[in-house]
């Protein structure tokens, strides 16, 4: 098991930017495919972005494509989510997730495909 801790959330005006970080401990994140998800009040948790173990393969939800960037630094056991041009509809609790993978693995977009989750960080975008 890997322990994940998110940070970087906060309150920002529409059009602004935030960078979320997810730090792993207990095991090196280089062995894991990673994902970012979000959950707004009264809604189901939804996929935002995913990245494979090496950072070569990346995938985004259509709603954030062109505005958000996922990246990772395996030497620091950290995954990032750079969020630009934020909109009020981006308001949610953001979670990072990890799934043990091999060098042949890609990325994963389903909540059920991940077995390690952080506690979440709140992002609020005001209009």
C-alpha atoms as a PDB file:
ATOM      1  CA  UNK A   1       0.000   0.000   0.000  1.00  0.00           C
ATOM      2  CA  UNK A   2       1.094   3.538  -0.687  1.00  0.00           C
ATOM      3  CA  UNK A   3      -0.064   6.476   1.420  1.00  0.00           C
ATOM      4  CA  UNK A   4      -1.126   9.530  -0.605  1.00  0.00           C
ATOM      5  CA  UNK A   5      -1.449  13.113   0.596  1.00  0.00           C
ATOM      6  CA  UNK A   6      -2.846  15.881  -1.601  1.00  0.00           C
ATOM      7  CA  UNK A   7      -2.185  19.588  -1.154  1.00  0.00           C
ATOM      8  CA  UNK A   8      -2.508  22.841  -3.051  1.00  0.00           C
ATOM      9  CA  UNK A   9      -6.244  23.323  -3.018  1.00  0.00           C
ATOM     10  CA  UNK A  10      -7.888  26.601  -2.121  1.00  0.00           C
ATOM     11  CA  UNK A  11     -10.175  29.413  -3.208  1.00  0.00           C
ATOM     12  CA  UNK A  12      -9.511  31.073  -6.550  1.00  0.00           C
ATOM     13  CA  UNK A  13     -11.422  33.359  -8.886  1.00  0.00           C
ATOM     14  CA  UNK A  14     -12.648  32.140 -12.240  1.00  0.00           C
ATOM     15  CA  UNK A  15      -9.841  32.279 -14.773  1.00  0.00           C
ATOM     16  CA  UNK A  16      -7.213  31.691 -12.122  1.00  0.00           C
ATOM     17  CA  UNK A  17      -4.793  28.816 -11.598  1.00  0.00           C
ATOM     18  CA  UNK A  18      -3.878  26.306  -8.933  1.00  0.00           C
ATOM     19  CA  UNK A  19      -1.351  23.498  -8.766  1.00  0.00           C
ATOM     20  CA  UNK A  20      -2.240  20.411  -6.805  1.00  0.00           C
ATOM     21  CA  UNK A  21       0.403  18.034  -5.500  1.00  0.00           C
ATOM     22  CA  UNK A  22       0.094  14.428  -4.423  1.00  0.00           C
ATOM     23  CA  UNK A  23       2.960  12.979  -2.418  1.00  0.00           C
ATOM     24  CA  UNK A  24       3.298   9.273  -1.889  1.00  0.00           C
ATOM     25  CA  UNK A  25       4.973   7.469   0.972  1.00  0.00           C
ATOM     26  CA  UNK A  26       5.466   3.886   1.965  1.00  0.00           C
ATOM     27  CA  UNK A  27       6.314   2.785  -1.550  1.00  0.00           C
ATOM     28  CA  UNK A  28       7.906   4.541  -4.498  1.00  0.00           C
ATOM     29  CA  UNK A  29       5.326   6.112  -6.793  1.00  0.00           C
ATOM     30  CA  UNK A  30       7.421   5.083  -9.761  1.00  0.00           C
ATOM     31  CA  UNK A  31       5.735   1.682  -9.509  1.00  0.00           C
ATOM     32  CA  UNK A  32       2.256   3.151  -9.807  1.00  0.00           C
ATOM     33  CA  UNK A  33      -0.031   4.539 -12.448  1.00  0.00           C
ATOM     34  CA  UNK A  34      -1.663   7.672 -11.056  1.00  0.00           C
ATOM     35  CA  UNK A  35      -4.919   9.489 -11.516  1.00  0.00           C
ATOM     36  CA  UNK A  36      -6.726  12.610 -10.391  1.00  0.00           C
ATOM     37  CA  UNK A  37     -10.438  12.537  -9.700  1.00  0.00           C
ATOM     38  CA  UNK A  38     -12.889  15.060  -8.304  1.00  0.00           C
ATOM     39  CA  UNK A  39     -16.196  15.004  -6.501  1.00  0.00           C
ATOM     40  CA  UNK A  40     -18.599  17.910  -6.274  1.00  0.00           C
ATOM     41  CA  UNK A  41     -21.368  18.022  -3.638  1.00  0.00           C
ATOM     42  CA  UNK A  42     -24.205  15.674  -4.540  1.00  0.00           C
ATOM     43  CA  UNK A  43     -22.333  14.209  -7.498  1.00  0.00           C
ATOM     44  CA  UNK A  44     -20.372  11.050  -8.127  1.00  0.00           C
ATOM     45  CA  UNK A  45     -16.606  11.037  -8.160  1.00  0.00           C
ATOM     46  CA  UNK A  46     -15.418  11.669 -11.702  1.00  0.00           C
ATOM     47  CA  UNK A  47     -12.216  11.148 -13.626  1.00  0.00           C
ATOM     48  CA  UNK A  48     -10.036  14.184 -14.347  1.00  0.00           C
ATOM     49  CA  UNK A  49      -6.623  13.026 -15.577  1.00  0.00           C
ATOM     50  CA  UNK A  50      -4.372   9.971 -15.582  1.00  0.00           C
ATOM     51  CA  UNK A  51      -0.713   9.250 -16.166  1.00  0.00           C
ATOM     52  CA  UNK A  52       1.200   6.012 -16.523  1.00  0.00           C
ATOM     53  CA  UNK A  53       4.212   5.080 -14.385  1.00  0.00           C
ATOM     54  CA  UNK A  54       6.755   6.773 -16.641  1.00  0.00           C
ATOM     55  CA  UNK A  55       4.746   9.866 -17.526  1.00  0.00           C
ATOM     56  CA  UNK A  56       4.764   9.064 -21.223  1.00  0.00           C
ATOM     57  CA  UNK A  57       1.091   8.137 -21.474  1.00  0.00           C
ATOM     58  CA  UNK A  58      -1.450  10.720 -20.355  1.00  0.00           C
ATOM     59  CA  UNK A  59      -5.193  11.076 -20.689  1.00  0.00           C
ATOM     60  CA  UNK A  60      -7.667  13.809 -19.764  1.00  0.00           C
ATOM     61  CA  UNK A  61     -11.386  14.137 -19.325  1.00  0.00           C
ATOM     62  CA  UNK A  62     -12.894  16.253 -22.090  1.00  0.00           C
ATOM     63  CA  UNK A  63     -14.046  18.808 -19.524  1.00  0.00           C
ATOM     64  CA  UNK A  64     -10.468  19.711 -18.549  1.00  0.00           C
ATOM     65  CA  UNK A  65      -8.546  19.053 -21.761  1.00  0.00           C
ATOM     66  CA  UNK A  66      -6.465  22.064 -22.733  1.00  0.00           C
ATOM     67  CA  UNK A  67      -6.757  23.617 -19.252  1.00  0.00           C
ATOM     68  CA  UNK A  68      -5.291  21.016 -16.889  1.00  0.00           C
ATOM     69  CA  UNK A  69      -1.907  19.299 -17.063  1.00  0.00           C
ATOM     70  CA  UNK A  70      -0.924  16.168 -15.157  1.00  0.00           C
ATOM     71  CA  UNK A  71       2.740  15.431 -14.564  1.00  0.00           C
ATOM     72  CA  UNK A  72       4.922  13.436 -12.225  1.00  0.00           C
ATOM     73  CA  UNK A  73       8.362  13.490 -10.647  1.00  0.00           C
ATOM     74  CA  UNK A  74       9.166   9.948  -9.608  1.00  0.00           C
ATOM     75  CA  UNK A  75      12.361  11.047  -7.892  1.00  0.00           C
ATOM     76  CA  UNK A  76      10.185  13.086  -5.527  1.00  0.00           C
ATOM     77  CA  UNK A  77       7.339  10.541  -5.352  1.00  0.00           C
ATOM     78  CA  UNK A  78       5.022  13.340  -6.408  1.00  0.00           C
ATOM     79  CA  UNK A  79       2.284  13.798  -8.990  1.00  0.00           C
ATOM     80  CA  UNK A  80       0.997  17.218  -9.970  1.00  0.00           C
ATOM     81  CA  UNK A  81      -2.154  18.648 -11.472  1.00  0.00           C
ATOM     82  CA  UNK A  82      -1.688  22.121 -12.932  1.00  0.00           C
ATOM     83  CA  UNK A  83      -5.093  23.736 -13.332  1.00  0.00           C
ATOM     84  CA  UNK A  84      -5.418  26.850 -15.477  1.00  0.00           C
ATOM     85  CA  UNK A  85      -8.415  28.853 -16.674  1.00  0.00           C
ATOM     86  CA  UNK A  86     -10.447  27.544 -13.775  1.00  0.00           C
ATOM     87  CA  UNK A  87     -14.224  27.684 -13.950  1.00  0.00           C
ATOM     88  CA  UNK A  88     -16.844  27.602 -11.177  1.00  0.00           C
ATOM     89  CA  UNK A  89     -17.839  24.131 -12.368  1.00  0.00           C
ATOM     90  CA  UNK A  90     -14.352  22.910 -11.441  1.00  0.00           C
ATOM     91  CA  UNK A  91     -15.284  23.365  -7.775  1.00  0.00           C
ATOM     92  CA  UNK A  92     -14.913  20.002  -6.041  1.00  0.00           C
ATOM     93  CA  UNK A  93     -12.797  17.935  -3.703  1.00  0.00           C
ATOM     94  CA  UNK A  94      -9.867  16.650  -5.739  1.00  0.00           C
ATOM     95  CA  UNK A  95      -8.404  13.221  -5.021  1.00  0.00           C
ATOM     96  CA  UNK A  96      -5.299  11.510  -6.271  1.00  0.00           C
ATOM     97  CA  UNK A  97      -5.249   7.763  -6.720  1.00  0.00           C
ATOM     98  CA  UNK A  98      -2.592   5.120  -7.346  1.00  0.00           C
ATOM     99  CA  UNK A  99      -2.619   1.696  -8.929  1.00  0.00           C
ATOM    100  CA  UNK A 100       0.312  -0.676  -8.889  1.00  0.00           C
ATOM    101  CA  UNK A 101       1.485  -1.169 -12.450  1.00  0.00           C
ATOM    102  CA  UNK A 102       4.155  -2.749 -14.610  1.00  0.00           C
ATOM    103  CA  UNK A 103       6.323  -1.202 -17.299  1.00  0.00           C
ATOM    104  CA  UNK A 104       3.776  -2.453 -19.816  1.00  0.00           C
ATOM    105  CA  UNK A 105       0.832  -0.744 -18.117  1.00  0.00           C
ATOM    106  CA  UNK A 106      -0.894   2.344 -19.379  1.00  0.00           C
ATOM    107  CA  UNK A 107      -3.213   4.730 -17.591  1.00  0.00           C
ATOM    108  CA  UNK A 108      -6.545   4.061 -15.899  1.00  0.00           C
ATOM    109  CA  UNK A 109      -9.683   6.180 -15.859  1.00  0.00           C
ATOM    110  CA  UNK A 110     -12.126   4.303 -13.649  1.00  0.00           C
ATOM    111  CA  UNK A 111     -12.462   4.769  -9.895  1.00  0.00           C
ATOM    112  CA  UNK A 112     -12.663   1.001  -9.436  1.00  0.00           C
ATOM    113  CA  UNK A 113      -9.299   0.548 -11.112  1.00  0.00           C
ATOM    114  CA  UNK A 114      -7.449   2.280  -8.292  1.00  0.00           C
ATOM    115  CA  UNK A 115      -6.879   0.842  -4.847  1.00  0.00           C
ATOM    116  CA  UNK A 116      -5.005   3.670  -3.126  1.00  0.00           C
ATOM    117  CA  UNK A 117      -6.609   7.045  -2.499  1.00  0.00           C
ATOM    118  CA  UNK A 118      -5.661  10.267  -0.787  1.00  0.00           C
ATOM    119  CA  UNK A 119      -7.911  12.196   1.567  1.00  0.00           C
ATOM    120  CA  UNK A 120      -8.668  14.936  -0.956  1.00  0.00           C
ATOM    121  CA  UNK A 121      -8.109  18.676  -1.205  1.00  0.00           C
ATOM    122  CA  UNK A 122     -10.867  21.245  -1.701  1.00  0.00           C
ATOM    123  CA  UNK A 123     -10.816  23.473  -4.767  1.00  0.00           C
ATOM    124  CA  UNK A 124     -13.334  26.308  -4.879  1.00  0.00           C
ATOM    125  CA  UNK A 125     -13.645  28.572  -7.910  1.00  0.00           C
ATOM    126  CA  UNK A 126     -15.682  31.740  -7.452  1.00  0.00           C
ATOM    127  CA  UNK A 127     -17.435  33.480 -10.314  1.00  0.00           C
END
